[in-house]
PDB file of all heavy atoms in Angstrom:
ATOM      1  N   LEU A   1       8.248   2.963 -10.027  1.00  0.00           N
ATOM      2  CA  LEU A   1       7.130   2.259  -9.586  1.00  0.00           C
ATOM      3  C   LEU A   1       6.676   2.601  -8.214  1.00  0.00           C
ATOM      4  O   LEU A   1       5.452   2.586  -7.918  1.00  0.00           O
ATOM      5  CB  LEU A   1       7.540   0.716  -9.624  1.00  0.00           C
ATOM      6  CG  LEU A   1       7.826   0.111 -11.006  1.00  0.00           C
ATOM      7  CD1 LEU A   1       8.330  -1.328 -10.868  1.00  0.00           C
ATOM      8  CD2 LEU A   1       6.605   0.167 -11.924  1.00  0.00           C
ATOM      9  N   ASP A   2       7.549   3.067  -7.351  1.00  0.00           N
ATOM     10  CA  ASP A   2       7.222   3.516  -6.085  1.00  0.00           C
ATOM     11  C   ASP A   2       6.384   4.770  -6.091  1.00  0.00           C
ATOM     12  O   ASP A   2       5.339   4.946  -5.425  1.00  0.00           O
ATOM     13  CB  ASP A   2       8.448   3.774  -5.198  1.00  0.00           C
ATOM     14  CG  ASP A   2       8.047   4.333  -3.867  1.00  0.00           C
ATOM     15  OD1 ASP A   2       7.157   3.736  -3.138  1.00  0.00           O
ATOM     16  OD2 ASP A   2       8.642   5.361  -3.445  1.00  0.00           O
ATOM     17  N   ASN A   3       6.805   5.746  -7.073  1.00  0.00           N
ATOM     18  CA  ASN A   3       5.931   6.947  -7.129  1.00  0.00           C
ATOM     19  C   ASN A   3       4.562   6.586  -7.743  1.00  0.00           C
ATOM     20  O   ASN A   3       3.552   7.227  -7.384  1.00  0.00           O
ATOM     21  CB  ASN A   3       6.682   8.010  -8.017  1.00  0.00           C
ATOM     22  CG  ASN A   3       7.738   8.741  -7.338  1.00  0.00           C
ATOM     23  OD1 ASN A   3       7.730   8.797  -6.107  1.00  0.00           O
ATOM     24  ND2 ASN A   3       8.672   9.290  -8.050  1.00  0.00           N
ATOM     25  N   LEU A   4       4.517   5.653  -8.638  1.00  0.00           N
ATOM     26  CA  LEU A   4       3.298   5.234  -9.152  1.00  0.00           C
ATOM     27  C   LEU A   4       2.362   4.642  -7.950  1.00  0.00           C
ATOM     28  O   LEU A   4       1.125   4.971  -7.924  1.00  0.00           O
ATOM     29  CB  LEU A   4       3.346   4.123 -10.179  1.00  0.00           C
ATOM     30  CG  LEU A   4       3.941   4.654 -11.536  1.00  0.00           C
ATOM     31  CD1 LEU A   4       4.229   3.449 -12.396  1.00  0.00           C
ATOM     32  CD2 LEU A   4       2.978   5.616 -12.186  1.00  0.00           C
ATOM     33  N   LEU A   5       2.901   3.901  -7.044  1.00  0.00           N
ATOM     34  CA  LEU A   5       2.199   3.407  -5.882  1.00  0.00           C
ATOM     35  C   LEU A   5       1.644   4.542  -5.047  1.00  0.00           C
ATOM     36  O   LEU A   5       0.473   4.517  -4.635  1.00  0.00           O
ATOM     37  CB  LEU A   5       3.018   2.451  -5.054  1.00  0.00           C
ATOM     38  CG  LEU A   5       2.351   1.989  -3.772  1.00  0.00           C
ATOM     39  CD1 LEU A   5       1.076   1.235  -4.056  1.00  0.00           C
ATOM     40  CD2 LEU A   5       3.356   1.104  -2.932  1.00  0.00           C
ATOM     41  N   ARG A   6       2.367   5.561  -4.844  1.00  0.00           N
ATOM     42  CA  ARG A   6       1.905   6.740  -4.080  1.00  0.00           C
ATOM     43  C   ARG A   6       0.743   7.344  -4.786  1.00  0.00           C
ATOM     44  O   ARG A   6      -0.261   7.691  -4.109  1.00  0.00           O
ATOM     45  CB  ARG A   6       3.017   7.708  -3.863  1.00  0.00           C
ATOM     46  CG  ARG A   6       4.215   7.298  -3.080  1.00  0.00           C
ATOM     47  CD  ARG A   6       5.337   8.300  -3.119  1.00  0.00           C
ATOM     48  NE  ARG A   6       6.624   7.804  -2.635  1.00  0.00           N
ATOM     49  CZ  ARG A   6       7.006   7.890  -1.350  1.00  0.00           C
ATOM     50  NH1 ARG A   6       6.203   8.418  -0.440  1.00  0.00           N
ATOM     51  NH2 ARG A   6       8.244   7.452  -1.051  1.00  0.00           N
ATOM     52  N   GLY A   7       0.782   7.401  -6.073  1.00  0.00           N
ATOM     53  CA  GLY A   7      -0.281   7.961  -6.779  1.00  0.00           C
ATOM     54  C   GLY A   7      -1.567   7.081  -6.827  1.00  0.00           C
ATOM     55  O   GLY A   7      -2.734   7.579  -6.733  1.00  0.00           O
ATOM     56  N   TRP A   8      -1.329   5.819  -6.943  1.00  0.00           N
ATOM     57  CA  TRP A   8      -2.465   4.869  -6.841  1.00  0.00           C
ATOM     58  C   TRP A   8      -3.172   5.021  -5.480  1.00  0.00           C
ATOM     59  O   TRP A   8      -4.420   4.957  -5.386  1.00  0.00           O
ATOM     60  CB  TRP A   8      -2.034   3.436  -7.075  1.00  0.00           C
ATOM     61  CG  TRP A   8      -1.281   3.154  -8.281  1.00  0.00           C
ATOM     62  CD1 TRP A   8      -1.509   3.867  -9.542  1.00  0.00           C
ATOM     63  CD2 TRP A   8      -0.329   2.149  -8.537  1.00  0.00           C
ATOM     64  NE1 TRP A   8      -0.667   3.355 -10.513  1.00  0.00           N
ATOM     65  CE2 TRP A   8       0.049   2.276 -10.020  1.00  0.00           C
ATOM     66  CE3 TRP A   8       0.231   1.133  -7.889  1.00  0.00           C
ATOM     67  CZ2 TRP A   8       0.965   1.417 -10.574  1.00  0.00           C
ATOM     68  CZ3 TRP A   8       1.122   0.312  -8.480  1.00  0.00           C
ATOM     69  CH2 TRP A   8       1.503   0.461  -9.790  1.00  0.00           C
ATOM     70  N   ALA A   9      -2.415   5.163  -4.418  1.00  0.00           N
ATOM     71  CA  ALA A   9      -2.969   5.317  -3.103  1.00  0.00           C
ATOM     72  C   ALA A   9      -3.917   6.515  -2.930  1.00  0.00           C
ATOM     73  O   ALA A   9      -4.941   6.480  -2.364  1.00  0.00           O
ATOM     74  CB  ALA A   9      -1.889   5.331  -2.033  1.00  0.00           C
ATOM     75  N   LEU A  10      -3.531   7.616  -3.669  1.00  0.00           N
ATOM     76  CA  LEU A  10      -4.303   8.775  -3.624  1.00  0.00           C
ATOM     77  C   LEU A  10      -5.595   8.637  -4.485  1.00  0.00           C
ATOM     78  O   LEU A  10      -6.667   9.014  -4.174  1.00  0.00           O
ATOM     79  CB  LEU A  10      -3.463   9.987  -4.077  1.00  0.00           C
ATOM     80  CG  LEU A  10      -2.384  10.499  -3.174  1.00  0.00           C
ATOM     81  CD1 LEU A  10      -1.573  11.553  -3.942  1.00  0.00           C
ATOM     82  CD2 LEU A  10      -2.986  11.004  -1.852  1.00  0.00           C
ATOM     83  N   GLN A  11      -5.354   7.948  -5.655  1.00  0.00           N
ATOM     84  CA  GLN A  11      -6.448   7.878  -6.561  1.00  0.00           C
ATOM     85  C   GLN A  11      -7.514   6.757  -6.193  1.00  0.00           C
ATOM     86  O   GLN A  11      -8.641   6.974  -6.390  1.00  0.00           O
ATOM     87  CB  GLN A  11      -5.895   7.603  -7.993  1.00  0.00           C
ATOM     88  CG  GLN A  11      -6.921   7.544  -9.085  1.00  0.00           C
ATOM     89  CD  GLN A  11      -6.272   7.401 -10.494  1.00  0.00           C
ATOM     90  OE1 GLN A  11      -5.042   7.277 -10.596  1.00  0.00           O
ATOM     91  NE2 GLN A  11      -7.031   7.429 -11.538  1.00  0.00           N
ATOM     92  N   TYR A  12      -6.998   5.665  -5.685  1.00  0.00           N
ATOM     93  CA  TYR A  12      -7.896   4.500  -5.463  1.00  0.00           C
ATOM     94  C   TYR A  12      -7.947   4.105  -3.926  1.00  0.00           C
ATOM     95  O   TYR A  12      -8.339   3.029  -3.644  1.00  0.00           O
ATOM     96  CB  TYR A  12      -7.395   3.322  -6.181  1.00  0.00           C
ATOM     97  CG  TYR A  12      -7.144   3.521  -7.689  1.00  0.00           C
ATOM     98  CD1 TYR A  12      -5.793   3.309  -8.140  1.00  0.00           C
ATOM     99  CD2 TYR A  12      -8.092   3.941  -8.596  1.00  0.00           C
ATOM    100  CE1 TYR A  12      -5.554   3.482  -9.542  1.00  0.00           C
ATOM    101  CE2 TYR A  12      -7.862   4.185  -9.855  1.00  0.00           C
ATOM    102  CZ  TYR A  12      -6.547   3.948 -10.364  1.00  0.00           C
ATOM    103  OH  TYR A  12      -6.227   4.118 -11.724  1.00  0.00           O
ATOM    104  N   GLY A  13      -7.518   5.082  -3.073  1.00  0.00           N
ATOM    105  CA  GLY A  13      -7.330   4.772  -1.610  1.00  0.00           C
ATOM    106  C   GLY A  13      -8.194   3.702  -0.966  1.00  0.00           C
ATOM    107  O   GLY A  13      -7.667   2.738  -0.461  1.00  0.00           O
ATOM    108  N   PRO A  14      -9.541   3.840  -0.953  1.00  0.00           N
ATOM    109  CA  PRO A  14     -10.302   2.836  -0.174  1.00  0.00           C
ATOM    110  C   PRO A  14     -10.619   1.576  -0.949  1.00  0.00           C
ATOM    111  O   PRO A  14     -11.184   0.643  -0.334  1.00  0.00           O
ATOM    112  CB  PRO A  14     -11.652   3.634   0.076  1.00  0.00           C
ATOM    113  CG  PRO A  14     -11.723   4.590  -1.043  1.00  0.00           C
ATOM    114  CD  PRO A  14     -10.360   4.954  -1.373  1.00  0.00           C
ATOM    115  N   ARG A  15     -10.272   1.510  -2.207  1.00  0.00           N
ATOM    116  CA  ARG A  15     -10.497   0.263  -2.968  1.00  0.00           C
ATOM    117  C   ARG A  15      -9.526  -0.850  -2.587  1.00  0.00           C
ATOM    118  O   ARG A  15      -8.425  -0.650  -2.074  1.00  0.00           O
ATOM    119  CB  ARG A  15     -10.316   0.536  -4.443  1.00  0.00           C
ATOM    120  CG  ARG A  15     -11.342   1.523  -5.000  1.00  0.00           C
ATOM    121  CD  ARG A  15     -11.220   1.659  -6.571  1.00  0.00           C
ATOM    122  NE  ARG A  15     -11.463   0.368  -7.194  1.00  0.00           N
ATOM    123  CZ  ARG A  15     -12.653  -0.095  -7.545  1.00  0.00           C
ATOM    124  NH1 ARG A  15     -13.661   0.561  -7.288  1.00  0.00           N
ATOM    125  NH2 ARG A  15     -12.771  -1.266  -8.137  1.00  0.00           N
ATOM    126  N   THR A  16     -10.050  -2.110  -2.732  1.00  0.00           N
ATOM    127  CA  THR A  16      -9.162  -3.260  -2.357  1.00  0.00           C
ATOM    128  C   THR A  16      -8.068  -3.492  -3.455  1.00  0.00           C
ATOM    129  O   THR A  16      -8.386  -3.655  -4.575  1.00  0.00           O
ATOM    130  CB  THR A  16     -10.025  -4.478  -2.192  1.00  0.00           C
ATOM    131  OG1 THR A  16     -11.015  -4.328  -1.257  1.00  0.00           O
ATOM    132  CG2 THR A  16      -9.204  -5.792  -1.863  1.00  0.00           C
ATOM    133  N   ALA A  17      -6.878  -3.403  -2.978  1.00  0.00           N
ATOM    134  CA  ALA A  17      -5.729  -3.665  -3.834  1.00  0.00           C
ATOM    135  C   ALA A  17      -5.312  -5.122  -3.965  1.00  0.00           C
ATOM    136  O   ALA A  17      -5.161  -5.696  -4.968  1.00  0.00           O
ATOM    137  CB  ALA A  17      -4.486  -2.775  -3.479  1.00  0.00           C
ATOM    138  N   LEU A  18      -5.167  -5.765  -2.718  1.00  0.00           N
ATOM    139  CA  LEU A  18      -4.786  -7.094  -2.624  1.00  0.00           C
ATOM    140  C   LEU A  18      -5.770  -7.912  -1.828  1.00  0.00           C
ATOM    141  O   LEU A  18      -6.278  -7.497  -0.770  1.00  0.00           O
ATOM    142  CB  LEU A  18      -3.430  -7.219  -1.897  1.00  0.00           C
ATOM    143  CG  LEU A  18      -2.242  -6.363  -2.558  1.00  0.00           C
ATOM    144  CD1 LEU A  18      -1.086  -6.497  -1.718  1.00  0.00           C
ATOM    145  CD2 LEU A  18      -2.020  -6.816  -3.953  1.00  0.00           C
ATOM    146  N   ALA A  19      -6.023  -9.173  -2.242  1.00  0.00           N
ATOM    147  CA  ALA A  19      -6.854 -10.152  -1.561  1.00  0.00           C
ATOM    148  C   ALA A  19      -6.130 -11.455  -1.442  1.00  0.00           C
ATOM    149  O   ALA A  19      -5.518 -11.918  -2.408  1.00  0.00           O
ATOM    150  CB  ALA A  19      -8.213 -10.214  -2.181  1.00  0.00           C
ATOM    151  N   HIS A  20      -6.189 -11.984  -0.311  1.00  0.00           N
ATOM    152  CA  HIS A  20      -5.547 -13.282   0.011  1.00  0.00           C
ATOM    153  C   HIS A  20      -6.301 -14.024   1.067  1.00  0.00           C
ATOM    154  O   HIS A  20      -6.191 -13.647   2.246  1.00  0.00           O
ATOM    155  CB  HIS A  20      -4.108 -13.122   0.353  1.00  0.00           C
ATOM    156  CG  HIS A  20      -3.443 -14.440   0.626  1.00  0.00           C
ATOM    157  ND1 HIS A  20      -3.053 -14.787   1.922  1.00  0.00           N
ATOM    158  CD2 HIS A  20      -2.945 -15.418  -0.179  1.00  0.00           C
ATOM    159  CE1 HIS A  20      -2.434 -15.993   1.809  1.00  0.00           C
ATOM    160  NE2 HIS A  20      -2.416 -16.348   0.640  1.00  0.00           N
ATOM    161  N   GLY A  21      -7.026 -15.036   0.708  1.00  0.00           N
ATOM    162  CA  GLY A  21      -7.964 -15.683   1.731  1.00  0.00           C
ATOM    163  C   GLY A  21      -8.932 -14.673   2.351  1.00  0.00           C
ATOM    164  O   GLY A  21      -9.633 -14.005   1.536  1.00  0.00           O
ATOM    165  N   ASP A  22      -8.895 -14.539   3.622  1.00  0.00           N
ATOM    166  CA  ASP A  22      -9.728 -13.529   4.259  1.00  0.00           C
ATOM    167  C   ASP A  22      -9.173 -12.155   4.433  1.00  0.00           C
ATOM    168  O   ASP A  22      -9.809 -11.186   4.901  1.00  0.00           O
ATOM    169  CB  ASP A  22     -10.133 -14.017   5.678  1.00  0.00           C
ATOM    170  CG  ASP A  22     -10.983 -15.243   5.575  1.00  0.00           C
ATOM    171  OD1 ASP A  22     -11.726 -15.463   4.695  1.00  0.00           O
ATOM    172  OD2 ASP A  22     -10.836 -16.036   6.607  1.00  0.00           O
ATOM    173  N   THR A  23      -7.868 -11.980   3.978  1.00  0.00           N
ATOM    174  CA  THR A  23      -7.178 -10.785   4.077  1.00  0.00           C
ATOM    175  C   THR A  23      -7.567  -9.798   2.965  1.00  0.00           C
ATOM    176  O   THR A  23      -7.638 -10.217   1.682  1.00  0.00           O
ATOM    177  CB  THR A  23      -5.671 -10.953   4.074  1.00  0.00           C
ATOM    178  OG1 THR A  23      -5.341 -11.804   5.134  1.00  0.00           O
ATOM    179  CG2 THR A  23      -4.872  -9.673   4.118  1.00  0.00           C
ATOM    180  N   ARG A  24      -7.805  -8.544   3.256  1.00  0.00           N
ATOM    181  CA  ARG A  24      -8.136  -7.509   2.250  1.00  0.00           C
ATOM    182  C   ARG A  24      -7.171  -6.270   2.684  1.00  0.00           C
ATOM    183  O   ARG A  24      -7.125  -5.819   3.777  1.00  0.00           O
ATOM    184  CB  ARG A  24      -9.590  -7.042   2.292  1.00  0.00           C
ATOM    185  CG  ARG A  24     -10.519  -8.131   1.967  1.00  0.00           C
ATOM    186  CD  ARG A  24     -10.433  -8.466   0.419  1.00  0.00           C
ATOM    187  NE  ARG A  24     -11.462  -9.468   0.065  1.00  0.00           N
ATOM    188  CZ  ARG A  24     -11.352 -10.715   0.158  1.00  0.00           C
ATOM    189  NH1 ARG A  24     -10.206 -11.238   0.722  1.00  0.00           N
ATOM    190  NH2 ARG A  24     -12.323 -11.558  -0.251  1.00  0.00           N
ATOM    191  N   ILE A  25      -6.478  -5.769   1.633  1.00  0.00           N
ATOM    192  CA  ILE A  25      -5.602  -4.660   1.864  1.00  0.00           C
ATOM    193  C   ILE A  25      -5.999  -3.540   0.822  1.00  0.00           C
ATOM    194  O   ILE A  25      -5.906  -3.724  -0.332  1.00  0.00           O
ATOM    195  CB  ILE A  25      -4.119  -4.956   1.696  1.00  0.00           C
ATOM    196  CG1 ILE A  25      -3.718  -6.059   2.697  1.00  0.00           C
ATOM    197  CG2 ILE A  25      -3.215  -3.733   1.966  1.00  0.00           C
ATOM    198  CD1 ILE A  25      -2.264  -6.500   2.588  1.00  0.00           C
ATOM    199  N   THR A  26      -6.355  -2.357   1.339  1.00  0.00           N
ATOM    200  CA  THR A  26      -6.745  -1.286   0.370  1.00  0.00           C
ATOM    201  C   THR A  26      -5.435  -0.685  -0.169  1.00  0.00           C
ATOM    202  O   THR A  26      -4.386  -0.891   0.327  1.00  0.00           O
ATOM    203  CB  THR A  26      -7.549  -0.180   1.072  1.00  0.00           C
ATOM    204  OG1 THR A  26      -6.666   0.416   2.068  1.00  0.00           O
ATOM    205  CG2 THR A  26      -8.775  -0.790   1.851  1.00  0.00           C
ATOM    206  N   TYR A  27      -5.663   0.184  -1.141  1.00  0.00           N
ATOM    207  CA  TYR A  27      -4.513   0.883  -1.825  1.00  0.00           C
ATOM    208  C   TYR A  27      -3.846   1.841  -0.775  1.00  0.00           C
ATOM    209  O   TYR A  27      -2.659   1.913  -0.736  1.00  0.00           O
ATOM    210  CB  TYR A  27      -4.993   1.733  -2.981  1.00  0.00           C
ATOM    211  CG  TYR A  27      -5.159   0.805  -4.317  1.00  0.00           C
ATOM    212  CD1 TYR A  27      -6.277   0.123  -4.515  1.00  0.00           C
ATOM    213  CD2 TYR A  27      -4.121   0.837  -5.194  1.00  0.00           C
ATOM    214  CE1 TYR A  27      -6.471  -0.616  -5.655  1.00  0.00           C
ATOM    215  CE2 TYR A  27      -4.225   0.086  -6.362  1.00  0.00           C
ATOM    216  CZ  TYR A  27      -5.397  -0.646  -6.496  1.00  0.00           C
ATOM    217  OH  TYR A  27      -5.564  -1.463  -7.700  1.00  0.00           O
ATOM    218  N   ALA A  28      -4.661   2.510  -0.049  1.00  0.00           N
ATOM    219  CA  ALA A  28      -4.090   3.349   1.077  1.00  0.00           C
ATOM    220  C   ALA A  28      -3.323   2.603   2.091  1.00  0.00           C
ATOM    221  O   ALA A  28      -2.240   3.012   2.463  1.00  0.00           O
ATOM    222  CB  ALA A  28      -5.185   4.189   1.763  1.00  0.00           C
ATOM    223  N   ALA A  29      -3.884   1.496   2.511  1.00  0.00           N
ATOM    224  CA  ALA A  29      -3.138   0.649   3.480  1.00  0.00           C
ATOM    225  C   ALA A  29      -1.906   0.080   2.907  1.00  0.00           C
ATOM    226  O   ALA A  29      -0.855  -0.067   3.594  1.00  0.00           O
ATOM    227  CB  ALA A  29      -4.092  -0.446   4.042  1.00  0.00           C
ATOM    228  N   LEU A  30      -1.954  -0.368   1.666  1.00  0.00           N
ATOM    229  CA  LEU A  30      -0.750  -0.903   1.017  1.00  0.00           C
ATOM    230  C   LEU A  30       0.376   0.142   1.017  1.00  0.00           C
ATOM    231  O   LEU A  30       1.545  -0.202   1.305  1.00  0.00           O
ATOM    232  CB  LEU A  30      -1.094  -1.319  -0.405  1.00  0.00           C
ATOM    233  CG  LEU A  30       0.079  -1.829  -1.297  1.00  0.00           C
ATOM    234  CD1 LEU A  30       0.697  -2.988  -0.682  1.00  0.00           C
ATOM    235  CD2 LEU A  30      -0.429  -2.070  -2.739  1.00  0.00           C
ATOM    236  N   ASN A  31       0.052   1.360   0.575  1.00  0.00           N
ATOM    237  CA  ASN A  31       1.035   2.426   0.540  1.00  0.00           C
ATOM    238  C   ASN A  31       1.581   2.677   1.974  1.00  0.00           C
ATOM    239  O   ASN A  31       2.850   2.924   2.147  1.00  0.00           O
ATOM    240  CB  ASN A  31       0.438   3.642  -0.052  1.00  0.00           C
ATOM    241  CG  ASN A  31       1.484   4.808  -0.208  1.00  0.00           C
ATOM    242  OD1 ASN A  31       2.500   4.558  -0.861  1.00  0.00           O
ATOM    243  ND2 ASN A  31       1.168   5.901   0.367  1.00  0.00           N
ATOM    244  N   ARG A  32       0.785   2.684   2.961  1.00  0.00           N
ATOM    245  CA  ARG A  32       1.222   2.879   4.339  1.00  0.00           C
ATOM    246  C   ARG A  32       2.142   1.824   4.839  1.00  0.00           C
ATOM    247  O   ARG A  32       3.255   2.058   5.435  1.00  0.00           O
ATOM    248  CB  ARG A  32       0.047   3.026   5.335  1.00  0.00           C
ATOM    249  CG  ARG A  32      -0.705   4.357   5.284  1.00  0.00           C
ATOM    250  CD  ARG A  32      -1.593   4.536   6.461  1.00  0.00           C
ATOM    251  NE  ARG A  32      -2.638   3.468   6.557  1.00  0.00           N
ATOM    252  CZ  ARG A  32      -3.841   3.481   6.030  1.00  0.00           C
ATOM    253  NH1 ARG A  32      -4.174   4.516   5.233  1.00  0.00           N
ATOM    254  NH2 ARG A  32      -4.620   2.483   6.136  1.00  0.00           N
ATOM    255  N   ARG A  33       1.763   0.563   4.589  1.00  0.00           N
ATOM    256  CA  ARG A  33       2.619  -0.505   4.975  1.00  0.00           C
ATOM    257  C   ARG A  33       3.924  -0.529   4.238  1.00  0.00           C
ATOM    258  O   ARG A  33       4.906  -0.875   4.805  1.00  0.00           O
ATOM    259  CB  ARG A  33       1.845  -1.831   4.710  1.00  0.00           C
ATOM    260  CG  ARG A  33       0.702  -2.055   5.674  1.00  0.00           C
ATOM    261  CD  ARG A  33      -0.113  -3.335   5.320  1.00  0.00           C
ATOM    262  NE  ARG A  33       0.623  -4.574   5.495  1.00  0.00           N
ATOM    263  CZ  ARG A  33       0.060  -5.767   5.544  1.00  0.00           C
ATOM    264  NH1 ARG A  33      -1.261  -5.844   5.294  1.00  0.00           N
ATOM    265  NH2 ARG A  33       0.740  -6.873   5.662  1.00  0.00           N
ATOM    266  N   VAL A  34       3.937  -0.244   3.008  1.00  0.00           N
ATOM    267  CA  VAL A  34       5.139  -0.072   2.194  1.00  0.00           C
ATOM    268  C   VAL A  34       6.102   0.931   2.826  1.00  0.00           C
ATOM    269  O   VAL A  34       7.311   0.762   3.020  1.00  0.00           O
ATOM    270  CB  VAL A  34       4.874   0.232   0.764  1.00  0.00           C
ATOM    271  CG1 VAL A  34       6.135   0.739  -0.006  1.00  0.00           C
ATOM    272  CG2 VAL A  34       4.319  -0.990   0.028  1.00  0.00           C
ATOM    273  N   GLY A  35       5.526   2.150   3.192  1.00  0.00           N
ATOM    274  CA  GLY A  35       6.351   3.163   3.740  1.00  0.00           C
ATOM    275  C   GLY A  35       6.933   2.786   5.068  1.00  0.00           C
ATOM    276  O   GLY A  35       8.154   3.073   5.320  1.00  0.00           O
ATOM    277  N   ARG A  36       6.173   2.142   5.923  1.00  0.00           N
ATOM    278  CA  ARG A  36       6.677   1.770   7.259  1.00  0.00           C
ATOM    279  C   ARG A  36       7.720   0.678   7.152  1.00  0.00           C
ATOM    280  O   ARG A  36       8.694   0.554   7.826  1.00  0.00           O
ATOM    281  CB  ARG A  36       5.621   1.372   8.206  1.00  0.00           C
ATOM    282  CG  ARG A  36       4.660   2.626   8.430  1.00  0.00           C
ATOM    283  CD  ARG A  36       3.609   2.174   9.523  1.00  0.00           C
ATOM    284  NE  ARG A  36       4.287   2.104  10.844  1.00  0.00           N
ATOM    285  CZ  ARG A  36       4.545   3.183  11.670  1.00  0.00           C
ATOM    286  NH1 ARG A  36       4.242   4.358  11.297  1.00  0.00           N
ATOM    287  NH2 ARG A  36       5.101   2.925  12.844  1.00  0.00           N
ATOM    288  N   MET A  37       7.464  -0.348   6.193  1.00  0.00           N
ATOM    289  CA  MET A  37       8.495  -1.406   5.988  1.00  0.00           C
ATOM    290  C   MET A  37       9.745  -0.872   5.421  1.00  0.00           C
ATOM    291  O   MET A  37      10.840  -1.305   5.839  1.00  0.00           O
ATOM    292  CB  MET A  37       7.894  -2.503   5.227  1.00  0.00           C
ATOM    293  CG  MET A  37       8.829  -3.676   5.046  1.00  0.00           C
ATOM    294  SD  MET A  37       8.189  -5.060   3.941  1.00  0.00           S
ATOM    295  CE  MET A  37       7.000  -5.830   5.030  1.00  0.00           C
ATOM    296  N   ALA A  38       9.622   0.011   4.508  1.00  0.00           N
ATOM    297  CA  ALA A  38      10.815   0.650   3.886  1.00  0.00           C
ATOM    298  C   ALA A  38      11.755   1.356   4.940  1.00  0.00           C
ATOM    299  O   ALA A  38      12.890   1.167   4.945  1.00  0.00           O
ATOM    300  CB  ALA A  38      10.417   1.699   2.809  1.00  0.00           C
ATOM    301  N   ALA A  39      11.091   2.115   5.814  1.00  0.00           N
ATOM    302  CA  ALA A  39      11.825   2.692   6.907  1.00  0.00           C
ATOM    303  C   ALA A  39      12.401   1.641   7.790  1.00  0.00           C
ATOM    304  O   ALA A  39      13.583   1.866   8.258  1.00  0.00           O
ATOM    305  CB  ALA A  39      10.963   3.629   7.730  1.00  0.00           C
ATOM    306  N   GLY A  40      11.751   0.564   7.996  1.00  0.00           N
ATOM    307  CA  GLY A  40      12.316  -0.519   8.798  1.00  0.00           C
ATOM    308  C   GLY A  40      13.543  -1.143   8.128  1.00  0.00           C
ATOM    309  O   GLY A  40      14.554  -1.495   8.781  1.00  0.00           O
ATOM    310  N   PHE A  41      13.462  -1.311   6.805  1.00  0.00           N
ATOM    311  CA  PHE A  41      14.661  -1.843   6.086  1.00  0.00           C
ATOM    312  C   PHE A  41      15.859  -0.937   6.257  1.00  0.00           C
ATOM    313  O   PHE A  41      16.934  -1.364   6.468  1.00  0.00           O
ATOM    314  CB  PHE A  41      14.315  -2.000   4.626  1.00  0.00           C
ATOM    315  CG  PHE A  41      13.644  -3.301   4.266  1.00  0.00           C
ATOM    316  CD1 PHE A  41      12.443  -3.282   3.515  1.00  0.00           C
ATOM    317  CD2 PHE A  41      14.128  -4.540   4.657  1.00  0.00           C
ATOM    318  CE1 PHE A  41      11.788  -4.484   3.163  1.00  0.00           C
ATOM    319  CE2 PHE A  41      13.504  -5.737   4.322  1.00  0.00           C
ATOM    320  CZ  PHE A  41      12.292  -5.715   3.584  1.00  0.00           C
ATOM    321  N   ARG A  42      15.635   0.352   6.145  1.00  0.00           N
ATOM    322  CA  ARG A  42      16.729   1.334   6.294  1.00  0.00           C
ATOM    323  C   ARG A  42      17.238   1.283   7.724  1.00  0.00           C
ATOM    324  O   ARG A  42      18.481   1.345   7.910  1.00  0.00           O
ATOM    325  CB  ARG A  42      16.189   2.729   5.983  1.00  0.00           C
ATOM    326  CG  ARG A  42      15.690   2.943   4.488  1.00  0.00           C
ATOM    327  CD  ARG A  42      16.720   3.149   3.549  1.00  0.00           C
ATOM    328  NE  ARG A  42      17.452   4.358   3.748  1.00  0.00           N
ATOM    329  CZ  ARG A  42      18.465   4.818   2.961  1.00  0.00           C
ATOM    330  NH1 ARG A  42      18.813   3.998   1.890  1.00  0.00           N
ATOM    331  NH2 ARG A  42      19.058   5.890   3.103  1.00  0.00           N
ATOM    332  N   LEU A  43      16.403   1.177   8.684  1.00  0.00           N
ATOM    333  CA  LEU A  43      16.842   1.083  10.097  1.00  0.00           C
ATOM    334  C   LEU A  43      17.686  -0.074  10.324  1.00  0.00           C
ATOM    335  O   LEU A  43      18.613  -0.089  11.167  1.00  0.00           O
ATOM    336  CB  LEU A  43      15.577   1.142  11.032  1.00  0.00           C
ATOM    337  CG  LEU A  43      15.852   1.245  12.511  1.00  0.00           C
ATOM    338  CD1 LEU A  43      16.502   2.624  12.839  1.00  0.00           C
ATOM    339  CD2 LEU A  43      14.587   1.052  13.324  1.00  0.00           C
TER     340      LEU A  43
END
């Protein structure tokens, strides 16, 4: 599923992946946030 997310970020990068109230997160931003949080979990 993680590799799929990386592919979605490349394919759909600027599109909105998640919406919650006034918050909008694109596919590219979602993948970046996942990568940085994953590294934080490991740290």
